[in-house]
Amino acid sequence: MDDVRLRLSRLAHAYRSGDARVEVLRDVDLSLQAGEVVALVAPSGAGKSTLLHLAGLLERPDAGEVYVLGRATMGMRDNERTALRRAAIGFVYQFHHLLREFSALENVILPQMIAGITSREAQERASVLLSGLGLGHRLHHTPSRLSGGEQQRVAIARALANNPALLLADEPTGNLDTHTADAVFQEMMKTLRDHNVAALIATHNPDLAARMSRRITLRNGRVEELP
């Protein structure tokens, strides 16, 4: 049986701009299975960030349904959506947003402790994740002592700290030079596949997109598969 981690069904969303109603998404259908890494490739303003926010339960669509681990979320109360998001979804952004006063290890430990994991277990998992991303020798460095690529690796480890079923990433290597972006991407892909995580990754980088399981785009508010 397919292990579907995310399913979007007939999703629609619009914003108000002055007196005008701007339709961003319409009749969006999309499914992601465990271990599948999908590239979302579309021009700025096409609705990539909106789609990620809806999939991540950060916003509610105007119509349609978002299923996370088979659970319909539209009828959930805000606290239920927050609990599901915390348990099942990890986020990585273009800017890492690390806590600058804490070490790399502590940045990955904290979300686990918020989720109720013991300090010892959280430290062990943080060490494993960071080492897997090539940061075993940088565990106790604060962000100011890490390069941009190393900081983004910490952000990826933090997003995976609570064993999410689904990872959503918005231009995770967009702020890095080409060489560093390639190295971070390779390590991220290996970590995602090692942990069987489904991922939807928005990127403008065609070379990185071509190395994912499949590619999709947004045209006129609808999701289309790319060859």
N, C-alpha and C. Protein backbone atom coordinates (compact mmCIF):
# COMPACT_ATOMS: atom_id res chain seq x y z
N MET A 1 0.84 -1.19 0.00
CA MET A 1 0.00 0.00 0.00
C MET A 1 0.89 1.26 0.00
N ASP A 2 0.49 2.25 -0.77
CA ASP A 2 1.24 3.49 -0.83
C ASP A 2 1.23 4.19 0.53
N ASP A 3 2.38 4.75 0.89
CA ASP A 3 2.50 5.51 2.13
C ASP A 3 2.45 6.99 1.78
N VAL A 4 1.24 7.55 1.66
CA VAL A 4 1.07 8.94 1.26
C VAL A 4 1.21 9.82 2.48
N ARG A 5 2.19 10.71 2.45
CA ARG A 5 2.44 11.60 3.58
C ARG A 5 1.65 12.91 3.46
N LEU A 6 1.48 13.39 2.23
CA LEU A 6 0.76 14.64 1.98
C LEU A 6 -0.13 14.47 0.77
N ARG A 7 -1.38 14.93 0.89
CA ARG A 7 -2.26 14.97 -0.28
C ARG A 7 -3.05 16.27 -0.26
N LEU A 8 -2.95 17.00 -1.35
CA LEU A 8 -3.72 18.22 -1.54
C LEU A 8 -4.83 17.91 -2.54
N SER A 9 -6.06 18.24 -2.18
CA SER A 9 -7.21 17.90 -3.03
C SER A 9 -8.02 19.15 -3.35
N ARG A 10 -8.06 19.51 -4.63
CA ARG A 10 -8.86 20.62 -5.15
C ARG A 10 -8.65 21.90 -4.34
N LEU A 11 -7.39 22.17 -4.04
CA LEU A 11 -7.04 23.32 -3.22
C LEU A 11 -7.21 24.62 -4.01
N ALA A 12 -7.79 25.62 -3.36
CA ALA A 12 -7.93 26.95 -3.97
C ALA A 12 -7.63 28.00 -2.92
N HIS A 13 -6.99 29.10 -3.38
CA HIS A 13 -6.66 30.17 -2.44
C HIS A 13 -6.50 31.48 -3.19
N ALA A 14 -6.98 32.56 -2.57
CA ALA A 14 -6.89 33.89 -3.19
C ALA A 14 -6.58 34.91 -2.12
N TYR A 15 -6.04 36.06 -2.56
CA TYR A 15 -5.76 37.18 -1.68
C TYR A 15 -6.48 38.42 -2.18
N ARG A 16 -6.70 39.34 -1.25
CA ARG A 16 -7.25 40.65 -1.62
C ARG A 16 -6.10 41.61 -1.87
N SER A 17 -6.16 42.34 -2.96
CA SER A 17 -5.20 43.40 -3.26
C SER A 17 -6.00 44.65 -3.60
N GLY A 18 -6.21 45.49 -2.57
CA GLY A 18 -7.11 46.63 -2.74
C GLY A 18 -8.52 46.12 -2.92
N ASP A 19 -9.17 46.53 -3.99
CA ASP A 19 -10.52 46.05 -4.27
C ASP A 19 -10.53 44.78 -5.11
N ALA A 20 -9.35 44.36 -5.54
CA ALA A 20 -9.27 43.20 -6.43
C ALA A 20 -9.04 41.91 -5.64
N ARG A 21 -9.56 40.83 -6.19
CA ARG A 21 -9.33 39.50 -5.63
C ARG A 21 -8.35 38.78 -6.57
N VAL A 22 -7.19 38.41 -6.03
CA VAL A 22 -6.15 37.77 -6.83
C VAL A 22 -6.14 36.28 -6.52
N GLU A 23 -6.51 35.49 -7.51
CA GLU A 23 -6.55 34.04 -7.35
C GLU A 23 -5.14 33.48 -7.54
N VAL A 24 -4.61 32.86 -6.50
CA VAL A 24 -3.24 32.35 -6.54
C VAL A 24 -3.21 30.87 -6.91
N LEU A 25 -4.09 30.09 -6.28
CA LEU A 25 -4.15 28.65 -6.54
C LEU A 25 -5.58 28.25 -6.86
N ARG A 26 -5.74 27.28 -7.77
CA ARG A 26 -7.07 26.79 -8.12
C ARG A 26 -7.00 25.30 -8.45
N ASP A 27 -7.89 24.54 -7.86
CA ASP A 27 -7.99 23.10 -8.15
C ASP A 27 -6.64 22.39 -8.10
N VAL A 28 -5.87 22.65 -7.07
CA VAL A 28 -4.55 22.02 -6.93
C VAL A 28 -4.72 20.61 -6.36
N ASP A 29 -4.16 19.64 -7.08
CA ASP A 29 -4.11 18.25 -6.61
C ASP A 29 -2.66 17.80 -6.61
N LEU A 30 -2.24 17.21 -5.49
CA LEU A 30 -0.85 16.78 -5.37
C LEU A 30 -0.73 15.75 -4.25
N SER A 31 0.06 14.70 -4.50
CA SER A 31 0.34 13.70 -3.47
C SER A 31 1.84 13.46 -3.38
N LEU A 32 2.31 13.26 -2.16
CA LEU A 32 3.72 12.93 -1.91
C LEU A 32 3.77 11.67 -1.07
N GLN A 33 4.57 10.71 -1.53
CA GLN A 33 4.74 9.47 -0.80
C GLN A 33 6.03 9.49 0.02
N ALA A 34 6.12 8.58 0.95
CA ALA A 34 7.32 8.46 1.78
C ALA A 34 8.54 8.26 0.90
N GLY A 35 9.61 8.98 1.20
CA GLY A 35 10.85 8.86 0.46
C GLY A 35 10.89 9.61 -0.85
N GLU A 36 9.80 10.25 -1.22
CA GLU A 36 9.75 10.98 -2.49
C GLU A 36 10.14 12.44 -2.26
N VAL A 37 11.08 12.93 -3.05
CA VAL A 37 11.53 14.32 -2.96
C VAL A 37 11.11 15.03 -4.24
N VAL A 38 10.20 15.97 -4.12
CA VAL A 38 9.59 16.62 -5.28
C VAL A 38 10.06 18.07 -5.38
N ALA A 39 10.52 18.44 -6.56
CA ALA A 39 10.95 19.82 -6.81
C ALA A 39 9.77 20.65 -7.28
N LEU A 40 9.58 21.81 -6.66
CA LEU A 40 8.57 22.77 -7.07
C LEU A 40 9.29 23.92 -7.76
N VAL A 41 9.16 23.96 -9.07
CA VAL A 41 9.89 24.92 -9.90
C VAL A 41 8.89 25.85 -10.57
N ALA A 42 8.94 27.13 -10.24
CA ALA A 42 8.02 28.10 -10.83
C ALA A 42 8.58 29.49 -10.62
N PRO A 43 8.20 30.45 -11.47
CA PRO A 43 8.72 31.81 -11.33
C PRO A 43 8.20 32.49 -10.06
N SER A 44 8.89 33.53 -9.65
CA SER A 44 8.44 34.31 -8.49
C SER A 44 7.03 34.82 -8.75
N GLY A 45 6.20 34.76 -7.71
CA GLY A 45 4.83 35.24 -7.82
C GLY A 45 3.85 34.20 -8.32
N ALA A 46 4.33 33.00 -8.62
CA ALA A 46 3.43 31.96 -9.14
C ALA A 46 2.62 31.29 -8.04
N GLY A 47 3.06 31.43 -6.77
CA GLY A 47 2.31 30.83 -5.67
C GLY A 47 3.05 29.73 -4.94
N LYS A 48 4.38 29.61 -5.15
CA LYS A 48 5.14 28.54 -4.49
C LYS A 48 5.06 28.64 -2.97
N SER A 49 5.33 29.83 -2.44
CA SER A 49 5.31 29.98 -0.98
C SER A 49 3.91 29.77 -0.42
N THR A 50 2.90 30.23 -1.14
CA THR A 50 1.52 30.00 -0.70
C THR A 50 1.21 28.52 -0.63
N LEU A 51 1.63 27.77 -1.64
CA LEU A 51 1.39 26.33 -1.65
C LEU A 51 2.09 25.66 -0.47
N LEU A 52 3.31 26.06 -0.19
CA LEU A 52 4.04 25.49 0.95
C LEU A 52 3.37 25.83 2.28
N HIS A 53 2.89 27.07 2.41
CA HIS A 53 2.22 27.47 3.65
C HIS A 53 0.94 26.68 3.87
N LEU A 54 0.19 26.44 2.81
CA LEU A 54 -1.05 25.66 2.93
C LEU A 54 -0.73 24.21 3.25
N ALA A 55 0.27 23.64 2.57
CA ALA A 55 0.66 22.25 2.82
C ALA A 55 1.19 22.08 4.24
N GLY A 56 1.84 23.12 4.76
CA GLY A 56 2.40 23.06 6.11
C GLY A 56 1.45 23.47 7.21
N LEU A 57 0.20 23.70 6.87
CA LEU A 57 -0.85 24.06 7.84
C LEU A 57 -0.58 25.39 8.51
N LEU A 58 0.18 26.26 7.83
CA LEU A 58 0.42 27.60 8.35
C LEU A 58 -0.70 28.56 7.94
N GLU A 59 -1.41 28.23 6.88
CA GLU A 59 -2.59 28.98 6.44
C GLU A 59 -3.67 27.97 6.09
N ARG A 60 -4.91 28.46 6.04
CA ARG A 60 -6.02 27.61 5.60
C ARG A 60 -6.41 28.01 4.18
N PRO A 61 -6.67 27.03 3.31
CA PRO A 61 -7.10 27.35 1.95
C PRO A 61 -8.53 27.87 1.95
N ASP A 62 -8.90 28.54 0.87
CA ASP A 62 -10.29 28.99 0.72
C ASP A 62 -11.21 27.81 0.42
N ALA A 63 -10.67 26.81 -0.24
CA ALA A 63 -11.45 25.63 -0.59
C ALA A 63 -10.51 24.45 -0.76
N GLY A 64 -11.08 23.25 -0.72
CA GLY A 64 -10.28 22.05 -0.88
C GLY A 64 -9.86 21.47 0.46
N GLU A 65 -8.99 20.49 0.42
CA GLU A 65 -8.58 19.79 1.63
C GLU A 65 -7.09 19.47 1.60
N VAL A 66 -6.50 19.56 2.78
CA VAL A 66 -5.09 19.17 2.98
C VAL A 66 -5.08 17.96 3.89
N TYR A 67 -4.55 16.84 3.38
CA TYR A 67 -4.43 15.62 4.17
C TYR A 67 -2.97 15.43 4.55
N VAL A 68 -2.71 15.30 5.83
CA VAL A 68 -1.37 15.01 6.33
C VAL A 68 -1.43 13.67 7.04
N LEU A 69 -0.65 12.71 6.54
CA LEU A 69 -0.68 11.33 7.07
C LEU A 69 -2.10 10.77 7.04
N GLY A 70 -2.84 11.13 5.99
CA GLY A 70 -4.19 10.63 5.81
C GLY A 70 -5.26 11.35 6.60
N ARG A 71 -4.87 12.35 7.38
CA ARG A 71 -5.84 13.06 8.22
C ARG A 71 -6.27 14.36 7.55
N ALA A 72 -7.58 14.52 7.38
CA ALA A 72 -8.11 15.76 6.83
C ALA A 72 -7.94 16.87 7.87
N THR A 73 -7.47 18.04 7.44
CA THR A 73 -7.10 19.08 8.40
C THR A 73 -8.02 20.31 8.39
N MET A 74 -8.86 20.45 7.37
CA MET A 74 -9.68 21.66 7.27
C MET A 74 -10.62 21.82 8.47
N GLY A 75 -11.13 20.71 8.98
CA GLY A 75 -12.06 20.78 10.09
C GLY A 75 -11.40 20.81 11.45
N MET A 76 -10.09 20.79 11.48
CA MET A 76 -9.38 20.78 12.76
C MET A 76 -9.38 22.17 13.40
N ARG A 77 -9.38 22.18 14.73
CA ARG A 77 -9.18 23.43 15.45
C ARG A 77 -7.71 23.84 15.32
N ASP A 78 -7.43 25.11 15.61
CA ASP A 78 -6.07 25.62 15.46
C ASP A 78 -5.07 24.85 16.31
N ASN A 79 -5.45 24.49 17.52
CA ASN A 79 -4.52 23.76 18.39
C ASN A 79 -4.24 22.36 17.85
N GLU A 80 -5.24 21.75 17.20
CA GLU A 80 -5.03 20.43 16.60
C GLU A 80 -4.10 20.52 15.40
N ARG A 81 -4.26 21.56 14.60
CA ARG A 81 -3.38 21.77 13.45
C ARG A 81 -1.94 22.03 13.92
N THR A 82 -1.80 22.81 14.99
CA THR A 82 -0.47 23.09 15.52
C THR A 82 0.20 21.81 16.00
N ALA A 83 -0.55 20.97 16.69
CA ALA A 83 0.00 19.71 17.21
C ALA A 83 0.43 18.79 16.07
N LEU A 84 -0.39 18.71 15.02
CA LEU A 84 -0.06 17.86 13.88
C LEU A 84 1.15 18.42 13.13
N ARG A 85 1.17 19.73 12.96
CA ARG A 85 2.31 20.35 12.29
C ARG A 85 3.61 20.09 13.06
N ARG A 86 3.55 20.21 14.37
CA ARG A 86 4.75 20.01 15.19
C ARG A 86 5.22 18.56 15.13
N ALA A 87 4.27 17.63 15.06
CA ALA A 87 4.62 16.20 15.10
C ALA A 87 5.04 15.66 13.73
N ALA A 88 4.50 16.23 12.66
CA ALA A 88 4.64 15.57 11.36
C ALA A 88 5.40 16.35 10.30
N ILE A 89 5.62 17.66 10.51
CA ILE A 89 6.15 18.49 9.43
C ILE A 89 7.40 19.25 9.89
N GLY A 90 8.42 19.22 9.03
CA GLY A 90 9.62 20.03 9.25
C GLY A 90 9.71 21.10 8.19
N PHE A 91 10.29 22.24 8.52
CA PHE A 91 10.39 23.37 7.59
C PHE A 91 11.85 23.82 7.47
N VAL A 92 12.25 24.13 6.24
CA VAL A 92 13.56 24.74 5.99
C VAL A 92 13.33 25.93 5.06
N TYR A 93 13.92 27.06 5.43
CA TYR A 93 13.73 28.28 4.64
C TYR A 93 15.06 28.71 4.03
N GLN A 94 15.00 29.70 3.14
CA GLN A 94 16.21 30.22 2.50
C GLN A 94 17.16 30.80 3.54
N PHE A 95 16.62 31.47 4.53
CA PHE A 95 17.40 32.01 5.64
C PHE A 95 17.20 31.10 6.84
N HIS A 96 18.29 30.72 7.48
CA HIS A 96 18.27 29.62 8.45
C HIS A 96 17.56 29.95 9.76
N HIS A 97 17.54 31.21 10.19
CA HIS A 97 16.84 31.62 11.42
C HIS A 97 17.30 30.81 12.64
N LEU A 98 18.59 30.58 12.76
CA LEU A 98 19.11 29.87 13.93
C LEU A 98 19.13 30.81 15.13
N LEU A 99 19.07 30.24 16.32
CA LEU A 99 19.20 31.01 17.55
C LEU A 99 20.69 31.27 17.76
N ARG A 100 21.08 32.52 17.65
CA ARG A 100 22.50 32.84 17.54
C ARG A 100 23.28 32.64 18.84
N GLU A 101 22.58 32.65 19.97
CA GLU A 101 23.29 32.48 21.23
C GLU A 101 23.50 31.01 21.59
N PHE A 102 22.95 30.11 20.79
CA PHE A 102 23.07 28.68 21.07
C PHE A 102 23.98 28.01 20.04
N SER A 103 24.61 26.91 20.46
CA SER A 103 25.47 26.16 19.55
C SER A 103 24.64 25.41 18.51
N ALA A 104 25.33 24.86 17.52
CA ALA A 104 24.66 24.03 16.51
C ALA A 104 23.90 22.89 17.19
N LEU A 105 24.55 22.23 18.12
CA LEU A 105 23.93 21.11 18.82
C LEU A 105 22.68 21.57 19.57
N GLU A 106 22.78 22.69 20.27
CA GLU A 106 21.64 23.18 21.06
C GLU A 106 20.49 23.61 20.16
N ASN A 107 20.78 24.15 18.99
CA ASN A 107 19.72 24.54 18.05
C ASN A 107 18.91 23.34 17.59
N VAL A 108 19.54 22.17 17.53
CA VAL A 108 18.84 20.96 17.10
C VAL A 108 18.21 20.23 18.30
N ILE A 109 18.76 20.44 19.48
CA ILE A 109 18.18 19.83 20.69
C ILE A 109 16.87 20.52 21.08
N LEU A 110 16.82 21.83 20.98
CA LEU A 110 15.68 22.59 21.52
C LEU A 110 14.32 22.15 20.98
N PRO A 111 14.12 22.01 19.66
CA PRO A 111 12.79 21.60 19.20
C PRO A 111 12.39 20.21 19.70
N GLN A 112 13.36 19.37 19.96
CA GLN A 112 13.05 18.04 20.49
C GLN A 112 12.57 18.13 21.94
N MET A 113 13.21 18.98 22.72
CA MET A 113 12.80 19.13 24.11
C MET A 113 11.43 19.77 24.21
N ILE A 114 11.13 20.71 23.30
CA ILE A 114 9.79 21.30 23.25
C ILE A 114 8.75 20.22 22.97
N ALA A 115 9.14 19.21 22.17
CA ALA A 115 8.23 18.12 21.84
C ALA A 115 8.18 17.06 22.93
N GLY A 116 8.95 17.23 24.00
CA GLY A 116 8.87 16.32 25.12
C GLY A 116 9.93 15.24 25.16
N ILE A 117 10.93 15.32 24.26
CA ILE A 117 12.02 14.34 24.26
C ILE A 117 12.97 14.66 25.41
N THR A 118 13.52 13.64 26.03
CA THR A 118 14.45 13.88 27.12
C THR A 118 15.73 14.53 26.59
N SER A 119 16.43 15.22 27.47
CA SER A 119 17.65 15.92 27.08
C SER A 119 18.68 14.96 26.50
N ARG A 120 18.83 13.81 27.11
CA ARG A 120 19.83 12.83 26.63
C ARG A 120 19.47 12.33 25.24
N GLU A 121 18.22 11.94 25.04
CA GLU A 121 17.79 11.45 23.73
C GLU A 121 17.93 12.54 22.67
N ALA A 122 17.56 13.77 23.04
CA ALA A 122 17.63 14.89 22.11
C ALA A 122 19.08 15.15 21.69
N GLN A 123 19.98 15.07 22.65
CA GLN A 123 21.39 15.31 22.34
C GLN A 123 21.94 14.22 21.44
N GLU A 124 21.56 12.98 21.69
CA GLU A 124 22.04 11.87 20.86
C GLU A 124 21.54 12.02 19.42
N ARG A 125 20.27 12.32 19.26
CA ARG A 125 19.73 12.45 17.90
C ARG A 125 20.33 13.67 17.20
N ALA A 126 20.48 14.78 17.92
CA ALA A 126 21.08 15.98 17.32
C ALA A 126 22.49 15.68 16.83
N SER A 127 23.26 14.95 17.63
CA SER A 127 24.63 14.61 17.24
C SER A 127 24.65 13.75 15.99
N VAL A 128 23.74 12.77 15.91
CA VAL A 128 23.67 11.88 14.75
C VAL A 128 23.31 12.67 13.49
N LEU A 129 22.29 13.52 13.59
CA LEU A 129 21.86 14.30 12.43
C LEU A 129 22.95 15.25 11.95
N LEU A 130 23.55 15.97 12.88
CA LEU A 130 24.59 16.94 12.49
C LEU A 130 25.81 16.23 11.92
N SER A 131 26.18 15.11 12.50
CA SER A 131 27.32 14.35 11.98
C SER A 131 27.01 13.84 10.57
N GLY A 132 25.78 13.38 10.36
CA GLY A 132 25.38 12.91 9.04
C GLY A 132 25.42 13.99 7.99
N LEU A 133 25.28 15.24 8.42
CA LEU A 133 25.33 16.38 7.51
C LEU A 133 26.72 17.01 7.49
N GLY A 134 27.71 16.28 7.99
CA GLY A 134 29.10 16.74 7.90
C GLY A 134 29.51 17.75 8.94
N LEU A 135 28.78 17.81 10.06
CA LEU A 135 29.08 18.82 11.07
C LEU A 135 29.50 18.21 12.42
N GLY A 136 29.98 16.99 12.38
CA GLY A 136 30.38 16.34 13.63
C GLY A 136 31.46 17.09 14.37
N HIS A 137 32.29 17.83 13.64
CA HIS A 137 33.38 18.59 14.26
C HIS A 137 32.97 20.02 14.62
N ARG A 138 31.70 20.37 14.39
CA ARG A 138 31.24 21.75 14.62
C ARG A 138 30.06 21.80 15.59
N LEU A 139 29.85 20.76 16.34
CA LEU A 139 28.67 20.66 17.19
C LEU A 139 28.54 21.81 18.18
N HIS A 140 29.65 22.28 18.71
CA HIS A 140 29.60 23.25 19.79
C HIS A 140 29.92 24.68 19.32
N HIS A 141 29.89 24.89 18.01
CA HIS A 141 30.10 26.22 17.46
C HIS A 141 28.77 26.97 17.36
N THR A 142 28.77 28.22 17.73
CA THR A 142 27.58 29.06 17.54
C THR A 142 27.49 29.48 16.07
N PRO A 143 26.30 29.93 15.61
CA PRO A 143 26.15 30.30 14.21
C PRO A 143 27.17 31.31 13.70
N SER A 144 27.61 32.24 14.56
CA SER A 144 28.57 33.25 14.11
C SER A 144 29.91 32.63 13.73
N ARG A 145 30.16 31.41 14.18
CA ARG A 145 31.42 30.73 13.88
C ARG A 145 31.26 29.68 12.78
N LEU A 146 30.09 29.66 12.16
CA LEU A 146 29.81 28.72 11.08
C LEU A 146 29.68 29.46 9.76
N SER A 147 30.04 28.80 8.67
CA SER A 147 29.84 29.38 7.35
C SER A 147 28.35 29.34 6.98
N GLY A 148 27.99 30.01 5.89
CA GLY A 148 26.60 30.00 5.46
C GLY A 148 26.10 28.61 5.17
N GLY A 149 26.93 27.79 4.51
CA GLY A 149 26.53 26.41 4.21
C GLY A 149 26.38 25.58 5.47
N GLU A 150 27.28 25.80 6.45
CA GLU A 150 27.17 25.06 7.70
C GLU A 150 25.93 25.46 8.48
N GLN A 151 25.60 26.73 8.47
CA GLN A 151 24.39 27.19 9.15
C GLN A 151 23.15 26.56 8.52
N GLN A 152 23.14 26.45 7.20
CA GLN A 152 21.97 25.85 6.55
C GLN A 152 21.88 24.36 6.84
N ARG A 153 23.03 23.70 7.00
CA ARG A 153 23.01 22.29 7.41
C ARG A 153 22.39 22.14 8.80
N VAL A 154 22.72 23.06 9.70
CA VAL A 154 22.12 23.03 11.03
C VAL A 154 20.60 23.20 10.93
N ALA A 155 20.16 24.11 10.06
CA ALA A 155 18.72 24.34 9.88
C ALA A 155 18.02 23.08 9.35
N ILE A 156 18.70 22.35 8.47
CA ILE A 156 18.13 21.11 7.94
C ILE A 156 18.04 20.07 9.05
N ALA A 157 19.10 19.95 9.84
CA ALA A 157 19.08 19.01 10.97
C ALA A 157 17.96 19.36 11.94
N ARG A 158 17.81 20.64 12.22
CA ARG A 158 16.73 21.08 13.12
C ARG A 158 15.37 20.70 12.57
N ALA A 159 15.17 20.86 11.26
CA ALA A 159 13.88 20.52 10.65
C ALA A 159 13.58 19.03 10.74
N LEU A 160 14.63 18.21 10.77
CA LEU A 160 14.46 16.76 10.82
C LEU A 160 14.53 16.20 12.24
N ALA A 161 14.73 17.07 13.22
CA ALA A 161 15.02 16.63 14.59
C ALA A 161 13.90 15.78 15.19
N ASN A 162 12.66 16.10 14.87
CA ASN A 162 11.53 15.40 15.49
C ASN A 162 10.95 14.32 14.58
N ASN A 163 11.80 13.76 13.69
CA ASN A 163 11.38 12.69 12.81
C ASN A 163 10.11 13.03 12.02
N PRO A 164 10.09 14.14 11.30
CA PRO A 164 8.87 14.49 10.56
C PRO A 164 8.62 13.51 9.43
N ALA A 165 7.34 13.31 9.12
CA ALA A 165 6.97 12.51 7.97
C ALA A 165 7.16 13.29 6.68
N LEU A 166 7.11 14.62 6.81
CA LEU A 166 7.11 15.50 5.65
C LEU A 166 8.03 16.68 5.89
N LEU A 167 8.85 17.02 4.90
CA LEU A 167 9.69 18.21 4.95
C LEU A 167 9.25 19.17 3.85
N LEU A 168 9.09 20.44 4.21
CA LEU A 168 8.76 21.49 3.26
C LEU A 168 9.90 22.49 3.27
N ALA A 169 10.45 22.78 2.09
CA ALA A 169 11.61 23.66 2.02
C ALA A 169 11.39 24.72 0.96
N ASP A 170 11.66 25.97 1.31
CA ASP A 170 11.47 27.11 0.40
C ASP A 170 12.84 27.69 0.06
N GLU A 171 13.36 27.35 -1.11
CA GLU A 171 14.68 27.81 -1.57
C GLU A 171 15.76 27.54 -0.51
N PRO A 172 15.92 26.30 -0.07
CA PRO A 172 16.85 26.04 1.04
C PRO A 172 18.31 26.32 0.72
N THR A 173 18.67 26.33 -0.57
CA THR A 173 20.06 26.64 -0.94
C THR A 173 20.16 27.94 -1.72
N GLY A 174 19.09 28.72 -1.75
CA GLY A 174 19.05 29.92 -2.56
C GLY A 174 19.99 31.02 -2.11
N ASN A 175 20.43 30.95 -0.86
CA ASN A 175 21.31 31.99 -0.32
C ASN A 175 22.78 31.57 -0.32
N LEU A 176 23.08 30.47 -1.02
CA LEU A 176 24.43 29.92 -0.99
C LEU A 176 25.06 29.99 -2.37
N ASP A 177 26.41 30.01 -2.41
CA ASP A 177 27.09 29.96 -3.70
C ASP A 177 26.91 28.57 -4.31
N THR A 178 27.21 28.44 -5.61
CA THR A 178 26.91 27.21 -6.35
C THR A 178 27.57 25.99 -5.75
N HIS A 179 28.84 26.08 -5.42
CA HIS A 179 29.56 24.94 -4.86
C HIS A 179 28.98 24.52 -3.51
N THR A 180 28.74 25.50 -2.64
CA THR A 180 28.19 25.20 -1.32
C THR A 180 26.77 24.66 -1.43
N ALA A 181 25.97 25.25 -2.32
CA ALA A 181 24.59 24.79 -2.52
C ALA A 181 24.58 23.32 -2.93
N ASP A 182 25.49 22.93 -3.83
CA ASP A 182 25.55 21.55 -4.29
C ASP A 182 25.90 20.61 -3.15
N ALA A 183 26.88 20.98 -2.32
CA ALA A 183 27.29 20.13 -1.20
C ALA A 183 26.17 19.98 -0.17
N VAL A 184 25.50 21.10 0.16
CA VAL A 184 24.40 21.05 1.13
C VAL A 184 23.25 20.21 0.58
N PHE A 185 22.97 20.39 -0.71
CA PHE A 185 21.87 19.65 -1.33
C PHE A 185 22.15 18.14 -1.29
N GLN A 186 23.36 17.74 -1.63
CA GLN A 186 23.69 16.31 -1.62
C GLN A 186 23.49 15.71 -0.24
N GLU A 187 23.94 16.42 0.78
CA GLU A 187 23.81 15.90 2.14
C GLU A 187 22.35 15.89 2.59
N MET A 188 21.58 16.92 2.19
CA MET A 188 20.16 16.95 2.53
C MET A 188 19.43 15.78 1.88
N MET A 189 19.70 15.52 0.59
CA MET A 189 19.03 14.43 -0.11
C MET A 189 19.35 13.08 0.55
N LYS A 190 20.60 12.87 0.90
CA LYS A 190 20.98 11.61 1.55
C LYS A 190 20.24 11.45 2.88
N THR A 191 20.17 12.53 3.66
CA THR A 191 19.50 12.47 4.96
C THR A 191 18.01 12.20 4.79
N LEU A 192 17.37 12.86 3.81
CA LEU A 192 15.95 12.63 3.56
C LEU A 192 15.68 11.18 3.20
N ARG A 193 16.52 10.62 2.32
CA ARG A 193 16.30 9.25 1.87
C ARG A 193 16.64 8.24 2.96
N ASP A 194 17.67 8.53 3.76
CA ASP A 194 18.01 7.63 4.86
C ASP A 194 16.86 7.52 5.85
N HIS A 195 16.09 8.62 6.01
CA HIS A 195 15.00 8.64 6.99
C HIS A 195 13.63 8.49 6.34
N ASN A 196 13.59 8.22 5.02
CA ASN A 196 12.34 7.95 4.29
C ASN A 196 11.34 9.10 4.41
N VAL A 197 11.85 10.33 4.39
CA VAL A 197 11.00 11.52 4.52
C VAL A 197 10.47 11.93 3.15
N ALA A 198 9.20 12.28 3.07
CA ALA A 198 8.65 12.91 1.87
C ALA A 198 8.99 14.39 1.93
N ALA A 199 9.36 14.97 0.78
CA ALA A 199 9.76 16.38 0.78
C ALA A 199 9.25 17.10 -0.45
N LEU A 200 8.83 18.34 -0.23
CA LEU A 200 8.46 19.25 -1.31
C LEU A 200 9.40 20.44 -1.20
N ILE A 201 10.23 20.64 -2.22
CA ILE A 201 11.30 21.63 -2.16
C ILE A 201 11.14 22.63 -3.29
N ALA A 202 10.86 23.88 -2.95
CA ALA A 202 10.79 24.95 -3.94
C ALA A 202 12.21 25.41 -4.26
N THR A 203 12.52 25.49 -5.55
CA THR A 203 13.86 25.91 -5.95
C THR A 203 13.81 26.57 -7.32
N HIS A 204 14.74 27.51 -7.53
CA HIS A 204 14.93 28.10 -8.84
C HIS A 204 16.10 27.45 -9.57
N ASN A 205 16.76 26.50 -8.93
CA ASN A 205 17.96 25.89 -9.47
C ASN A 205 17.58 24.65 -10.31
N PRO A 206 17.65 24.73 -11.64
CA PRO A 206 17.23 23.60 -12.47
C PRO A 206 18.11 22.37 -12.30
N ASP A 207 19.40 22.57 -12.00
CA ASP A 207 20.29 21.43 -11.82
C ASP A 207 19.91 20.62 -10.59
N LEU A 208 19.59 21.32 -9.50
CA LEU A 208 19.16 20.62 -8.29
C LEU A 208 17.80 19.96 -8.50
N ALA A 209 16.89 20.66 -9.16
CA ALA A 209 15.55 20.11 -9.40
C ALA A 209 15.62 18.82 -10.20
N ALA A 210 16.53 18.75 -11.15
CA ALA A 210 16.65 17.58 -12.01
C ALA A 210 17.11 16.34 -11.24
N ARG A 211 17.67 16.54 -10.06
CA ARG A 211 18.18 15.41 -9.27
C ARG A 211 17.16 14.91 -8.24
N MET A 212 15.97 15.49 -8.24
CA MET A 212 14.93 15.03 -7.31
C MET A 212 14.06 13.97 -7.98
N SER A 213 13.15 13.38 -7.22
CA SER A 213 12.32 12.27 -7.71
C SER A 213 11.49 12.69 -8.91
N ARG A 214 10.91 13.86 -8.85
CA ARG A 214 10.13 14.41 -9.96
C ARG A 214 10.01 15.91 -9.77
N ARG A 215 9.54 16.58 -10.84
CA ARG A 215 9.44 18.04 -10.82
C ARG A 215 8.01 18.45 -11.15
N ILE A 216 7.55 19.47 -10.44
CA ILE A 216 6.24 20.05 -10.73
C ILE A 216 6.39 21.56 -10.86
N THR A 217 5.41 22.18 -11.48
CA THR A 217 5.39 23.63 -11.57
C THR A 217 3.97 24.13 -11.32
N LEU A 218 3.82 25.45 -11.23
CA LEU A 218 2.52 26.08 -11.09
C LEU A 218 2.25 26.93 -12.33
N ARG A 219 1.15 26.62 -13.03
CA ARG A 219 0.75 27.41 -14.19
C ARG A 219 -0.71 27.78 -14.03
N ASN A 220 -0.97 29.09 -14.07
CA ASN A 220 -2.34 29.58 -13.90
C ASN A 220 -2.99 29.03 -12.65
N GLY A 221 -2.17 28.93 -11.59
CA GLY A 221 -2.69 28.50 -10.30
C GLY A 221 -2.85 27.01 -10.12
N ARG A 222 -2.47 26.21 -11.12
CA ARG A 222 -2.63 24.76 -11.05
C ARG A 222 -1.27 24.08 -11.08
N VAL A 223 -1.20 22.93 -10.40
CA VAL A 223 0.02 22.13 -10.42
C VAL A 223 0.09 21.31 -11.71
N GLU A 224 1.25 21.35 -12.36
CA GLU A 224 1.50 20.53 -13.54
C GLU A 224 2.82 19.78 -13.36
N GLU A 225 2.83 18.54 -13.81
CA GLU A 225 4.05 17.75 -13.79
C GLU A 225 4.98 18.21 -14.91
N LEU A 226 6.27 18.22 -14.64
CA LEU A 226 7.27 18.54 -15.66
C LEU A 226 7.98 17.26 -16.08
N PRO A 227 8.41 17.18 -17.34
CA PRO A 227 9.11 15.98 -17.81
C PRO A 227 10.47 15.83 -17.14
